[in-house]
Amino acid sequence: MKKLILAVAIVASGLSTFALTVNPIQTEISTVSISEEFKKIALESLPAEVTAAVAKDFSTATISKAYVNSSEQYKLEITMDGTDNVVYADKDGNWLKASDVEAPAQDTEETIEE
């Protein structure tokens, strides 16, 4: 009798799992890619204010590469005391934080997964 009750309980629990409906879960994924669009320029093309700011604030640094974007903001790769660093400046030689650098193009994509 105990086995019969146990068997009925197992069968009933097995059937109840098939009765569950599966609802598809929809999630929204947003991808934002920011393109800085810096173009490499010759070191001689740097404004005098930018090179003067590097010489003043980073006296032991040498500029290895320079880039400019459409907003006339400069990305400078400098070597200082054997380490490579990246700094940003505007055309007047004022230092910018990486978060302050304007990104002219933004692409957004939205997808729904099931």
PDB file of N, CA and C in Angstrom:
ATOM      1  N   MET A   1       0.818  -1.186   0.000  1.00  0.00           N
ATOM      2  CA  MET A   1       0.000   0.000   0.000  1.00  0.00           C
ATOM      3  C   MET A   1       0.872   1.264   0.000  1.00  0.00           C
ATOM      4  N   LYS A   2       1.956   1.227   0.773  1.00  0.00           N
ATOM      5  CA  LYS A   2       2.857   2.377   0.815  1.00  0.00           C
ATOM      6  C   LYS A   2       3.479   2.608  -0.559  1.00  0.00           C
ATOM      7  N   LYS A   3       3.799   1.517  -1.259  1.00  0.00           N
ATOM      8  CA  LYS A   3       4.410   1.643  -2.583  1.00  0.00           C
ATOM      9  C   LYS A   3       3.418   2.227  -3.581  1.00  0.00           C
ATOM     10  N   LEU A   4       2.160   1.885  -3.450  1.00  0.00           N
ATOM     11  CA  LEU A   4       1.138   2.402  -4.346  1.00  0.00           C
ATOM     12  C   LEU A   4       0.962   3.912  -4.161  1.00  0.00           C
ATOM     13  N   ILE A   5       0.933   4.356  -2.925  1.00  0.00           N
ATOM     14  CA  ILE A   5       0.794   5.792  -2.643  1.00  0.00           C
ATOM     15  C   ILE A   5       2.026   6.545  -3.137  1.00  0.00           C
ATOM     16  N   LEU A   6       3.203   5.967  -2.934  1.00  0.00           N
ATOM     17  CA  LEU A   6       4.445   6.584  -3.394  1.00  0.00           C
ATOM     18  C   LEU A   6       4.478   6.668  -4.917  1.00  0.00           C
ATOM     19  N   ALA A   7       4.040   5.620  -5.603  1.00  0.00           N
ATOM     20  CA  ALA A   7       4.018   5.602  -7.065  1.00  0.00           C
ATOM     21  C   ALA A   7       3.054   6.646  -7.602  1.00  0.00           C
ATOM     22  N   VAL A   8       1.883   6.775  -6.983  1.00  0.00           N
ATOM     23  CA  VAL A   8       0.906   7.776  -7.416  1.00  0.00           C
ATOM     24  C   VAL A   8       1.471   9.178  -7.214  1.00  0.00           C
ATOM     25  N   ALA A   9       2.170   9.415  -6.125  1.00  0.00           N
ATOM     26  CA  ALA A   9       2.754  10.729  -5.861  1.00  0.00           C
ATOM     27  C   ALA A   9       3.820  11.076  -6.894  1.00  0.00           C
ATOM     28  N   ILE A  10       4.634  10.100  -7.260  1.00  0.00           N
ATOM     29  CA  ILE A  10       5.692  10.332  -8.256  1.00  0.00           C
ATOM     30  C   ILE A  10       5.083  10.623  -9.616  1.00  0.00           C
ATOM     31  N   VAL A  11       4.084   9.865 -10.020  1.00  0.00           N
ATOM     32  CA  VAL A  11       3.433  10.075 -11.315  1.00  0.00           C
ATOM     33  C   VAL A  11       2.743  11.437 -11.342  1.00  0.00           C
ATOM     34  N   ALA A  12       2.080  11.802 -10.272  1.00  0.00           N
ATOM     35  CA  ALA A  12       1.376  13.085 -10.221  1.00  0.00           C
ATOM     36  C   ALA A  12       2.357  14.248 -10.311  1.00  0.00           C
ATOM     37  N   SER A  13       3.500  14.136  -9.654  1.00  0.00           N
ATOM     38  CA  SER A  13       4.484  15.223  -9.727  1.00  0.00           C
ATOM     39  C   SER A  13       5.103  15.304 -11.109  1.00  0.00           C
ATOM     40  N   GLY A  14       5.274  14.162 -11.766  1.00  0.00           N
ATOM     41  CA  GLY A  14       5.812  14.160 -13.121  1.00  0.00           C
ATOM     42  C   GLY A  14       4.863  14.795 -14.110  1.00  0.00           C
ATOM     43  N   LEU A  15       3.577  14.554 -13.957  1.00  0.00           N
ATOM     44  CA  LEU A  15       2.589  15.139 -14.856  1.00  0.00           C
ATOM     45  C   LEU A  15       2.432  16.635 -14.621  1.00  0.00           C
ATOM     46  N   SER A  16       2.609  17.067 -13.406  1.00  0.00           N
ATOM     47  CA  SER A  16       2.443  18.495 -13.127  1.00  0.00           C
ATOM     48  C   SER A  16       3.570  19.328 -13.735  1.00  0.00           C
ATOM     49  N   THR A  17       4.741  18.744 -13.914  1.00  0.00           N
ATOM     50  CA  THR A  17       5.824  19.506 -14.549  1.00  0.00           C
ATOM     51  C   THR A  17       5.558  19.711 -16.031  1.00  0.00           C
ATOM     52  N   PHE A  18       4.842  18.800 -16.670  1.00  0.00           N
ATOM     53  CA  PHE A  18       4.502  18.983 -18.075  1.00  0.00           C
ATOM     54  C   PHE A  18       3.408  20.023 -18.252  1.00  0.00           C
ATOM     55  N   ALA A  19       2.654  20.293 -17.227  1.00  0.00           N
ATOM     56  CA  ALA A  19       1.559  21.252 -17.311  1.00  0.00           C
ATOM     57  C   ALA A  19       2.051  22.694 -17.245  1.00  0.00           C
ATOM     58  N   LEU A  20       3.301  22.905 -16.867  1.00  0.00           N
ATOM     59  CA  LEU A  20       3.840  24.254 -16.789  1.00  0.00           C
ATOM     60  C   LEU A  20       4.012  24.829 -18.189  1.00  0.00           C
ATOM     61  N   THR A  21       3.644  26.080 -18.363  1.00  0.00           N
ATOM     62  CA  THR A  21       3.855  26.740 -19.644  1.00  0.00           C
ATOM     63  C   THR A  21       5.146  27.542 -19.565  1.00  0.00           C
ATOM     64  N   VAL A  22       5.865  27.514 -20.628  1.00  0.00           N
ATOM     65  CA  VAL A  22       7.127  28.243 -20.681  1.00  0.00           C
ATOM     66  C   VAL A  22       6.877  29.542 -21.434  1.00  0.00           C
ATOM     67  N   ASN A  23       7.026  30.632 -20.736  1.00  0.00           N
ATOM     68  CA  ASN A  23       6.876  31.947 -21.351  1.00  0.00           C
ATOM     69  C   ASN A  23       8.243  32.413 -21.830  1.00  0.00           C
ATOM     70  N   PRO A  24       8.344  32.791 -23.102  1.00  0.00           N
ATOM     71  CA  PRO A  24       9.643  33.283 -23.574  1.00  0.00           C
ATOM     72  C   PRO A  24       9.996  34.594 -22.879  1.00  0.00           C
ATOM     73  N   ILE A  25      11.221  34.694 -22.480  1.00  0.00           N
ATOM     74  CA  ILE A  25      11.701  35.892 -21.797  1.00  0.00           C
ATOM     75  C   ILE A  25      12.322  36.803 -22.848  1.00  0.00           C
ATOM     76  N   GLN A  26      11.818  38.001 -22.920  1.00  0.00           N
ATOM     77  CA  GLN A  26      12.357  38.957 -23.870  1.00  0.00           C
ATOM     78  C   GLN A  26      13.267  39.920 -23.128  1.00  0.00           C
ATOM     79  N   THR A  27      14.467  40.012 -23.608  1.00  0.00           N
ATOM     80  CA  THR A  27      15.416  40.944 -23.019  1.00  0.00           C
ATOM     81  C   THR A  27      15.860  41.916 -24.098  1.00  0.00           C
ATOM     82  N   GLU A  28      16.082  43.123 -23.706  1.00  0.00           N
ATOM     83  CA  GLU A  28      16.523  44.141 -24.641  1.00  0.00           C
ATOM     84  C   GLU A  28      17.982  44.452 -24.370  1.00  0.00           C
ATOM     85  N   ILE A  29      18.779  44.370 -25.404  1.00  0.00           N
ATOM     86  CA  ILE A  29      20.206  44.636 -25.283  1.00  0.00           C
ATOM     87  C   ILE A  29      20.518  45.880 -26.104  1.00  0.00           C
ATOM     88  N   SER A  30      21.088  46.854 -25.467  1.00  0.00           N
ATOM     89  CA  SER A  30      21.480  48.077 -26.159  1.00  0.00           C
ATOM     90  C   SER A  30      22.995  48.124 -26.244  1.00  0.00           C
ATOM     91  N   THR A  31      23.490  48.328 -27.434  1.00  0.00           N
ATOM     92  CA  THR A  31      24.920  48.437 -27.648  1.00  0.00           C
ATOM     93  C   THR A  31      25.219  49.843 -28.142  1.00  0.00           C
ATOM     94  N   VAL A  32      26.083  50.523 -27.432  1.00  0.00           N
ATOM     95  CA  VAL A  32      26.479  51.867 -27.829  1.00  0.00           C
ATOM     96  C   VAL A  32      27.971  51.836 -28.114  1.00  0.00           C
ATOM     97  N   SER A  33      28.325  52.154 -29.331  1.00  0.00           N
ATOM     98  CA  SER A  33      29.743  52.214 -29.670  1.00  0.00           C
ATOM     99  C   SER A  33      30.087  53.655 -30.018  1.00  0.00           C
ATOM    100  N   ILE A  34      31.099  54.153 -29.372  1.00  0.00           N
ATOM    101  CA  ILE A  34      31.516  55.538 -29.575  1.00  0.00           C
ATOM    102  C   ILE A  34      32.798  55.533 -30.399  1.00  0.00           C
ATOM    103  N   SER A  35      32.753  56.226 -31.471  1.00  0.00           N
ATOM    104  CA  SER A  35      33.907  56.320 -32.350  1.00  0.00           C
ATOM    105  C   SER A  35      34.532  57.698 -32.173  1.00  0.00           C
ATOM    106  N   GLU A  36      35.749  57.730 -31.695  1.00  0.00           N
ATOM    107  CA  GLU A  36      36.410  59.007 -31.439  1.00  0.00           C
ATOM    108  C   GLU A  36      36.850  59.680 -32.730  1.00  0.00           C
ATOM    109  N   GLU A  37      37.123  58.912 -33.749  1.00  0.00           N
ATOM    110  CA  GLU A  37      37.548  59.407 -35.044  1.00  0.00           C
ATOM    111  C   GLU A  37      38.736  60.348 -34.962  1.00  0.00           C
ATOM    112  N   PHE A  38      39.757  59.942 -34.246  1.00  0.00           N
ATOM    113  CA  PHE A  38      41.005  60.698 -34.226  1.00  0.00           C
ATOM    114  C   PHE A  38      41.818  60.294 -35.448  1.00  0.00           C
ATOM    115  N   LYS A  39      42.412  61.262 -36.095  1.00  0.00           N
ATOM    116  CA  LYS A  39      43.260  61.009 -37.261  1.00  0.00           C
ATOM    117  C   LYS A  39      44.689  61.359 -36.900  1.00  0.00           C
ATOM    118  N   LYS A  40      45.604  60.497 -37.306  1.00  0.00           N
ATOM    119  CA  LYS A  40      47.014  60.701 -36.989  1.00  0.00           C
ATOM    120  C   LYS A  40      47.545  61.899 -37.774  1.00  0.00           C
ATOM    121  N   ILE A  41      48.346  62.700 -37.089  1.00  0.00           N
ATOM    122  CA  ILE A  41      48.955  63.863 -37.734  1.00  0.00           C
ATOM    123  C   ILE A  41      50.451  63.852 -37.444  1.00  0.00           C
ATOM    124  N   ALA A  42      51.179  64.630 -38.213  1.00  0.00           N
ATOM    125  CA  ALA A  42      52.619  64.763 -37.988  1.00  0.00           C
ATOM    126  C   ALA A  42      52.851  65.608 -36.740  1.00  0.00           C
ATOM    127  N   LEU A  43      53.927  65.311 -36.035  1.00  0.00           N
ATOM    128  CA  LEU A  43      54.232  66.054 -34.807  1.00  0.00           C
ATOM    129  C   LEU A  43      54.467  67.533 -35.089  1.00  0.00           C
ATOM    130  N   GLU A  44      54.943  67.839 -36.291  1.00  0.00           N
ATOM    131  CA  GLU A  44      55.184  69.230 -36.661  1.00  0.00           C
ATOM    132  C   GLU A  44      53.871  70.001 -36.834  1.00  0.00           C
ATOM    133  N   SER A  45      52.762  69.285 -37.017  1.00  0.00           N
ATOM    134  CA  SER A  45      51.459  69.929 -37.220  1.00  0.00           C
ATOM    135  C   SER A  45      50.778  70.322 -35.919  1.00  0.00           C
ATOM    136  N   LEU A  46      51.363  69.946 -34.789  1.00  0.00           N
ATOM    137  CA  LEU A  46      50.765  70.297 -33.498  1.00  0.00           C
ATOM    138  C   LEU A  46      50.837  71.800 -33.280  1.00  0.00           C
ATOM    139  N   PRO A  47      49.792  72.405 -32.724  1.00  0.00           N
ATOM    140  CA  PRO A  47      49.856  73.834 -32.404  1.00  0.00           C
ATOM    141  C   PRO A  47      50.944  74.108 -31.367  1.00  0.00           C
ATOM    142  N   ALA A  48      51.511  75.284 -31.440  1.00  0.00           N
ATOM    143  CA  ALA A  48      52.585  75.659 -30.513  1.00  0.00           C
ATOM    144  C   ALA A  48      52.100  75.629 -29.070  1.00  0.00           C
ATOM    145  N   GLU A  49      50.824  75.964 -28.849  1.00  0.00           N
ATOM    146  CA  GLU A  49      50.275  75.957 -27.488  1.00  0.00           C
ATOM    147  C   GLU A  49      50.282  74.555 -26.884  1.00  0.00           C
ATOM    148  N   VAL A  50      50.001  73.548 -27.714  1.00  0.00           N
ATOM    149  CA  VAL A  50      49.966  72.162 -27.228  1.00  0.00           C
ATOM    150  C   VAL A  50      51.372  71.681 -26.891  1.00  0.00           C
ATOM    151  N   THR A  51      52.334  71.943 -27.773  1.00  0.00           N
ATOM    152  CA  THR A  51      53.705  71.514 -27.484  1.00  0.00           C
ATOM    153  C   THR A  51      54.275  72.272 -26.292  1.00  0.00           C
ATOM    154  N   ALA A  52      53.897  73.543 -26.138  1.00  0.00           N
ATOM    155  CA  ALA A  52      54.356  74.313 -24.975  1.00  0.00           C
ATOM    156  C   ALA A  52      53.755  73.757 -23.685  1.00  0.00           C
ATOM    157  N   ALA A  53      52.498  73.320 -23.726  1.00  0.00           N
ATOM    158  CA  ALA A  53      51.857  72.750 -22.537  1.00  0.00           C
ATOM    159  C   ALA A  53      52.520  71.437 -22.139  1.00  0.00           C
ATOM    160  N   VAL A  54      52.907  70.631 -23.121  1.00  0.00           N
ATOM    161  CA  VAL A  54      53.610  69.378 -22.815  1.00  0.00           C
ATOM    162  C   VAL A  54      54.966  69.691 -22.206  1.00  0.00           C
ATOM    163  N   ALA A  55      55.688  70.641 -22.792  1.00  0.00           N
ATOM    164  CA  ALA A  55      57.006  70.999 -22.266  1.00  0.00           C
ATOM    165  C   ALA A  55      56.914  71.578 -20.858  1.00  0.00           C
ATOM    166  N   LYS A  56      55.849  72.330 -20.575  1.00  0.00           N
ATOM    167  CA  LYS A  56      55.694  72.951 -19.263  1.00  0.00           C
ATOM    168  C   LYS A  56      55.284  71.933 -18.197  1.00  0.00           C
ATOM    169  N   ASP A  57      54.256  71.128 -18.495  1.00  0.00           N
ATOM    170  CA  ASP A  57      53.684  70.234 -17.480  1.00  0.00           C
ATOM    171  C   ASP A  57      54.338  68.858 -17.429  1.00  0.00           C
ATOM    172  N   PHE A  58      54.933  68.424 -18.522  1.00  0.00           N
ATOM    173  CA  PHE A  58      55.604  67.123 -18.579  1.00  0.00           C
ATOM    174  C   PHE A  58      57.005  67.339 -19.144  1.00  0.00           C
ATOM    175  N   SER A  59      57.873  67.946 -18.365  1.00  0.00           N
ATOM    176  CA  SER A  59      59.178  68.375 -18.873  1.00  0.00           C
ATOM    177  C   SER A  59      60.048  67.215 -19.342  1.00  0.00           C
ATOM    178  N   THR A  60      59.890  66.029 -18.771  1.00  0.00           N
ATOM    179  CA  THR A  60      60.720  64.888 -19.174  1.00  0.00           C
ATOM    180  C   THR A  60      60.057  64.041 -20.249  1.00  0.00           C
ATOM    181  N   ALA A  61      58.889  64.443 -20.727  1.00  0.00           N
ATOM    182  CA  ALA A  61      58.134  63.634 -21.691  1.00  0.00           C
ATOM    183  C   ALA A  61      58.525  63.965 -23.122  1.00  0.00           C
ATOM    184  N   THR A  62      58.386  62.960 -23.970  1.00  0.00           N
ATOM    185  CA  THR A  62      58.539  63.163 -25.403  1.00  0.00           C
ATOM    186  C   THR A  62      57.260  62.684 -26.081  1.00  0.00           C
ATOM    187  N   ILE A  63      56.814  63.427 -27.059  1.00  0.00           N
ATOM    188  CA  ILE A  63      55.595  63.065 -27.786  1.00  0.00           C
ATOM    189  C   ILE A  63      55.974  62.055 -28.858  1.00  0.00           C
ATOM    190  N   SER A  64      55.356  60.868 -28.800  1.00  0.00           N
ATOM    191  CA  SER A  64      55.668  59.847 -29.794  1.00  0.00           C
ATOM    192  C   SER A  64      54.667  59.839 -30.946  1.00  0.00           C
ATOM    193  N   LYS A  65      53.380  60.089 -30.657  1.00  0.00           N
ATOM    194  CA  LYS A  65      52.355  60.129 -31.705  1.00  0.00           C
ATOM    195  C   LYS A  65      51.336  61.198 -31.348  1.00  0.00           C
ATOM    196  N   ALA A  66      50.726  61.771 -32.380  1.00  0.00           N
ATOM    197  CA  ALA A  66      49.701  62.796 -32.165  1.00  0.00           C
ATOM    198  C   ALA A  66      48.522  62.529 -33.089  1.00  0.00           C
ATOM    199  N   TYR A  67      47.322  62.772 -32.560  1.00  0.00           N
ATOM    200  CA  TYR A  67      46.082  62.577 -33.305  1.00  0.00           C
ATOM    201  C   TYR A  67      45.193  63.789 -33.074  1.00  0.00           C
ATOM    202  N   VAL A  68      44.297  64.077 -34.019  1.00  0.00           N
ATOM    203  CA  VAL A  68      43.354  65.186 -33.882  1.00  0.00           C
ATOM    204  C   VAL A  68      41.977  64.714 -34.340  1.00  0.00           C
ATOM    205  N   ASN A  69      40.916  65.259 -33.701  1.00  0.00           N
ATOM    206  CA  ASN A  69      39.559  64.955 -34.148  1.00  0.00           C
ATOM    207  C   ASN A  69      38.944  66.200 -34.775  1.00  0.00           C
ATOM    208  N   SER A  70      37.686  66.106 -35.180  1.00  0.00           N
ATOM    209  CA  SER A  70      37.035  67.214 -35.881  1.00  0.00           C
ATOM    210  C   SER A  70      36.792  68.423 -34.985  1.00  0.00           C
ATOM    211  N   SER A  71      36.838  68.246 -33.672  1.00  0.00           N
ATOM    212  CA  SER A  71      36.645  69.356 -32.729  1.00  0.00           C
ATOM    213  C   SER A  71      37.962  70.021 -32.344  1.00  0.00           C
ATOM    214  N   GLU A  72      39.030  69.700 -33.059  1.00  0.00           N
ATOM    215  CA  GLU A  72      40.372  70.211 -32.782  1.00  0.00           C
ATOM    216  C   GLU A  72      40.826  69.879 -31.367  1.00  0.00           C
ATOM    217  N   GLN A  73      40.536  68.667 -30.961  1.00  0.00           N
ATOM    218  CA  GLN A  73      41.047  68.140 -29.704  1.00  0.00           C
ATOM    219  C   GLN A  73      42.151  67.159 -30.064  1.00  0.00           C
ATOM    220  N   TYR A  74      43.207  67.176 -29.285  1.00  0.00           N
ATOM    221  CA  TYR A  74      44.389  66.401 -29.620  1.00  0.00           C
ATOM    222  C   TYR A  74      44.586  65.262 -28.632  1.00  0.00           C
ATOM    223  N   LYS A  75      44.896  64.104 -29.185  1.00  0.00           N
ATOM    224  CA  LYS A  75      45.247  62.928 -28.385  1.00  0.00           C
ATOM    225  C   LYS A  75      46.746  62.742 -28.581  1.00  0.00           C
ATOM    226  N   LEU A  76      47.474  62.790 -27.479  1.00  0.00           N
ATOM    227  CA  LEU A  76      48.931  62.704 -27.557  1.00  0.00           C
ATOM    228  C   LEU A  76      49.409  61.455 -26.836  1.00  0.00           C
ATOM    229  N   GLU A  77      50.210  60.667 -27.511  1.00  0.00           N
ATOM    230  CA  GLU A  77      50.865  59.531 -26.871  1.00  0.00           C
ATOM    231  C   GLU A  77      52.258  60.001 -26.489  1.00  0.00           C
ATOM    232  N   ILE A  78      52.506  60.059 -25.184  1.00  0.00           N
ATOM    233  CA  ILE A  78      53.792  60.560 -24.705  1.00  0.00           C
ATOM    234  C   ILE A  78      54.518  59.464 -23.945  1.00  0.00           C
ATOM    235  N   THR A  79      55.840  59.554 -23.962  1.00  0.00           N
ATOM    236  CA  THR A  79      56.681  58.648 -23.194  1.00  0.00           C
ATOM    237  C   THR A  79      57.362  59.479 -22.119  1.00  0.00           C
ATOM    238  N   MET A  80      57.151  59.059 -20.870  1.00  0.00           N
ATOM    239  CA  MET A  80      57.704  59.807 -19.752  1.00  0.00           C
ATOM    240  C   MET A  80      58.283  58.820 -18.750  1.00  0.00           C
ATOM    241  N   ASP A  81      59.562  58.952 -18.474  1.00  0.00           N
ATOM    242  CA  ASP A  81      60.265  58.083 -17.525  1.00  0.00           C
ATOM    243  C   ASP A  81      60.103  56.604 -17.874  1.00  0.00           C
ATOM    244  N   GLY A  82      60.127  56.294 -19.163  1.00  0.00           N
ATOM    245  CA  GLY A  82      60.047  54.911 -19.613  1.00  0.00           C
ATOM    246  C   GLY A  82      58.649  54.331 -19.681  1.00  0.00           C
ATOM    247  N   THR A  83      57.630  55.101 -19.372  1.00  0.00           N
ATOM    248  CA  THR A  83      56.254  54.606 -19.452  1.00  0.00           C
ATOM    249  C   THR A  83      55.495  55.376 -20.522  1.00  0.00           C
ATOM    250  N   ASP A  84      54.606  54.671 -21.205  1.00  0.00           N
ATOM    251  CA  ASP A  84      53.775  55.287 -22.237  1.00  0.00           C
ATOM    252  C   ASP A  84      52.473  55.766 -21.613  1.00  0.00           C
ATOM    253  N   ASN A  85      52.075  56.969 -21.955  1.00  0.00           N
ATOM    254  CA  ASN A  85      50.843  57.564 -21.440  1.00  0.00           C
ATOM    255  C   ASN A  85      50.087  58.214 -22.588  1.00  0.00           C
ATOM    256  N   VAL A  86      48.788  58.390 -22.392  1.00  0.00           N
ATOM    257  CA  VAL A  86      47.951  59.097 -23.357  1.00  0.00           C
ATOM    258  C   VAL A  86      47.318  60.278 -22.637  1.00  0.00           C
ATOM    259  N   VAL A  87      47.464  61.465 -23.221  1.00  0.00           N
ATOM    260  CA  VAL A  87      46.856  62.680 -22.668  1.00  0.00           C
ATOM    261  C   VAL A  87      46.060  63.363 -23.776  1.00  0.00           C
ATOM    262  N   TYR A  88      45.100  64.181 -23.364  1.00  0.00           N
ATOM    263  CA  TYR A  88      44.250  64.892 -24.306  1.00  0.00           C
ATOM    264  C   TYR A  88      44.360  66.390 -24.041  1.00  0.00           C
ATOM    265  N   ALA A  89      44.375  67.165 -25.112  1.00  0.00           N
ATOM    266  CA  ALA A  89      44.456  68.621 -24.988  1.00  0.00           C
ATOM    267  C   ALA A  89      43.605  69.256 -26.080  1.00  0.00           C
ATOM    268  N   ASP A  90      43.178  70.500 -25.820  1.00  0.00           N
ATOM    269  CA  ASP A  90      42.482  71.228 -26.874  1.00  0.00           C
ATOM    270  C   ASP A  90      43.501  72.054 -27.657  1.00  0.00           C
ATOM    271  N   LYS A  91      43.023  72.808 -28.641  1.00  0.00           N
ATOM    272  CA  LYS A  91      43.945  73.555 -29.509  1.00  0.00           C
ATOM    273  C   LYS A  91      44.678  74.672 -28.781  1.00  0.00           C
ATOM    274  N   ASP A  92      44.166  75.078 -27.599  1.00  0.00           N
ATOM    275  CA  ASP A  92      44.801  76.140 -26.825  1.00  0.00           C
ATOM    276  C   ASP A  92      45.783  75.613 -25.789  1.00  0.00           C
ATOM    277  N   GLY A  93      45.982  74.298 -25.742  1.00  0.00           N
ATOM    278  CA  GLY A  93      46.923  73.715 -24.794  1.00  0.00           C
ATOM    279  C   GLY A  93      46.330  73.422 -23.430  1.00  0.00           C
ATOM    280  N   ASN A  94      45.013  73.472 -23.307  1.00  0.00           N
ATOM    281  CA  ASN A  94      44.358  73.122 -22.043  1.00  0.00           C
ATOM    282  C   ASN A  94      44.154  71.614 -21.976  1.00  0.00           C
ATOM    283  N   TRP A  95      44.415  71.022 -20.821  1.00  0.00           N
ATOM    284  CA  TRP A  95      44.305  69.576 -20.666  1.00  0.00           C
ATOM    285  C   TRP A  95      42.847  69.166 -20.524  1.00  0.00           C
ATOM    286  N   LEU A  96      42.500  68.050 -21.131  1.00  0.00           N
ATOM    287  CA  LEU A  96      41.143  67.518 -21.088  1.00  0.00           C
ATOM    288  C   LEU A  96      41.154  66.146 -20.441  1.00  0.00           C
ATOM    289  N   LYS A  97      40.080  65.814 -19.760  1.00  0.00           N
ATOM    290  CA  LYS A  97      39.895  64.447 -19.271  1.00  0.00           C
ATOM    291  C   LYS A  97      39.396  63.612 -20.443  1.00  0.00           C
ATOM    292  N   ALA A  98      39.631  62.306 -20.386  1.00  0.00           N
ATOM    293  CA  ALA A  98      39.177  61.428 -21.465  1.00  0.00           C
ATOM    294  C   ALA A  98      37.662  61.500 -21.623  1.00  0.00           C
ATOM    295  N   SER A  99      36.946  61.719 -20.511  1.00  0.00           N
ATOM    296  CA  SER A  99      35.484  61.802 -20.580  1.00  0.00           C
ATOM    297  C   SER A  99      35.008  63.109 -21.212  1.00  0.00           C
ATOM    298  N   ASP A 100      35.875  64.131 -21.262  1.00  0.00           N
ATOM    299  CA  ASP A 100      35.503  65.417 -21.849  1.00  0.00           C
ATOM    300  C   ASP A 100      35.728  65.470 -23.354  1.00  0.00           C
ATOM    301  N   VAL A 101      36.417  64.476 -23.889  1.00  0.00           N
ATOM    302  CA  VAL A 101      36.707  64.466 -25.316  1.00  0.00           C
ATOM    303  C   VAL A 101      35.418  64.164 -26.059  1.00  0.00           C
ATOM    304  N   GLU A 102      35.084  65.018 -27.024  1.00  0.00           N
ATOM    305  CA  GLU A 102      33.842  64.858 -27.768  1.00  0.00           C
ATOM    306  C   GLU A 102      33.965  63.717 -28.754  1.00  0.00           C
ATOM    307  N   ALA A 103      32.937  62.904 -28.795  1.00  0.00           N
ATOM    308  CA  ALA A 103      32.859  61.822 -29.765  1.00  0.00           C
ATOM    309  C   ALA A 103      31.792  62.190 -30.786  1.00  0.00           C
ATOM    310  N   PRO A 104      32.170  62.488 -32.012  1.00  0.00           N
ATOM    311  CA  PRO A 104      31.204  62.988 -32.976  1.00  0.00           C
ATOM    312  C   PRO A 104      30.167  61.983 -33.446  1.00  0.00           C
ATOM    313  N   ALA A 105      30.456  60.686 -33.415  1.00  0.00           N
ATOM    314  CA  ALA A 105      29.505  59.704 -33.945  1.00  0.00           C
ATOM    315  C   ALA A 105      29.122  58.703 -32.875  1.00  0.00           C
ATOM    316  N   GLN A 106      27.821  58.440 -32.780  1.00  0.00           N
ATOM    317  CA  GLN A 106      27.344  57.424 -31.853  1.00  0.00           C
ATOM    318  C   GLN A 106      26.374  56.528 -32.595  1.00  0.00           C
ATOM    319  N   ASP A 107      26.607  55.220 -32.530  1.00  0.00           N
ATOM    320  CA  ASP A 107      25.726  54.240 -33.144  1.00  0.00           C
ATOM    321  C   ASP A 107      25.032  53.471 -32.047  1.00  0.00           C
ATOM    322  N   THR A 108      23.728  53.277 -32.184  1.00  0.00           N
ATOM    323  CA  THR A 108      23.007  52.472 -31.204  1.00  0.00           C
ATOM    324  C   THR A 108      22.294  51.351 -31.931  1.00  0.00           C
ATOM    325  N   GLU A 109      22.292  50.204 -31.308  1.00  0.00           N
ATOM    326  CA  GLU A 109      21.608  49.041 -31.842  1.00  0.00           C
ATOM    327  C   GLU A 109      20.753  48.456 -30.744  1.00  0.00           C
ATOM    328  N   GLU A 110      19.556  48.008 -31.110  1.00  0.00           N
ATOM    329  CA  GLU A 110      18.695  47.354 -30.142  1.00  0.00           C
ATOM    330  C   GLU A 110      18.260  46.024 -30.725  1.00  0.00           C
ATOM    331  N   THR A 111      18.378  44.977 -29.939  1.00  0.00           N
ATOM    332  CA  THR A 111      17.945  43.659 -30.368  1.00  0.00           C
ATOM    333  C   THR A 111      17.095  43.041 -29.281  1.00  0.00           C
ATOM    334  N   ILE A 112      16.197  42.151 -29.692  1.00  0.00           N
ATOM    335  CA  ILE A 112      15.363  41.427 -28.738  1.00  0.00           C
ATOM    336  C   ILE A 112      15.652  39.952 -28.915  1.00  0.00           C
ATOM    337  N   GLU A 113      16.015  39.308 -27.825  1.00  0.00           N
ATOM    338  CA  GLU A 113      16.296  37.879 -27.845  1.00  0.00           C
ATOM    339  C   GLU A 113      15.148  37.137 -27.200  1.00  0.00           C
ATOM    340  N   GLU A 114      14.889  35.951 -27.690  1.00  0.00           N
ATOM    341  CA  GLU A 114      13.852  35.127 -27.076  1.00  0.00           C
ATOM    342  C   GLU A 114      14.466  33.922 -26.437  1.00  0.00           C
TER     343      GLU A 114
END
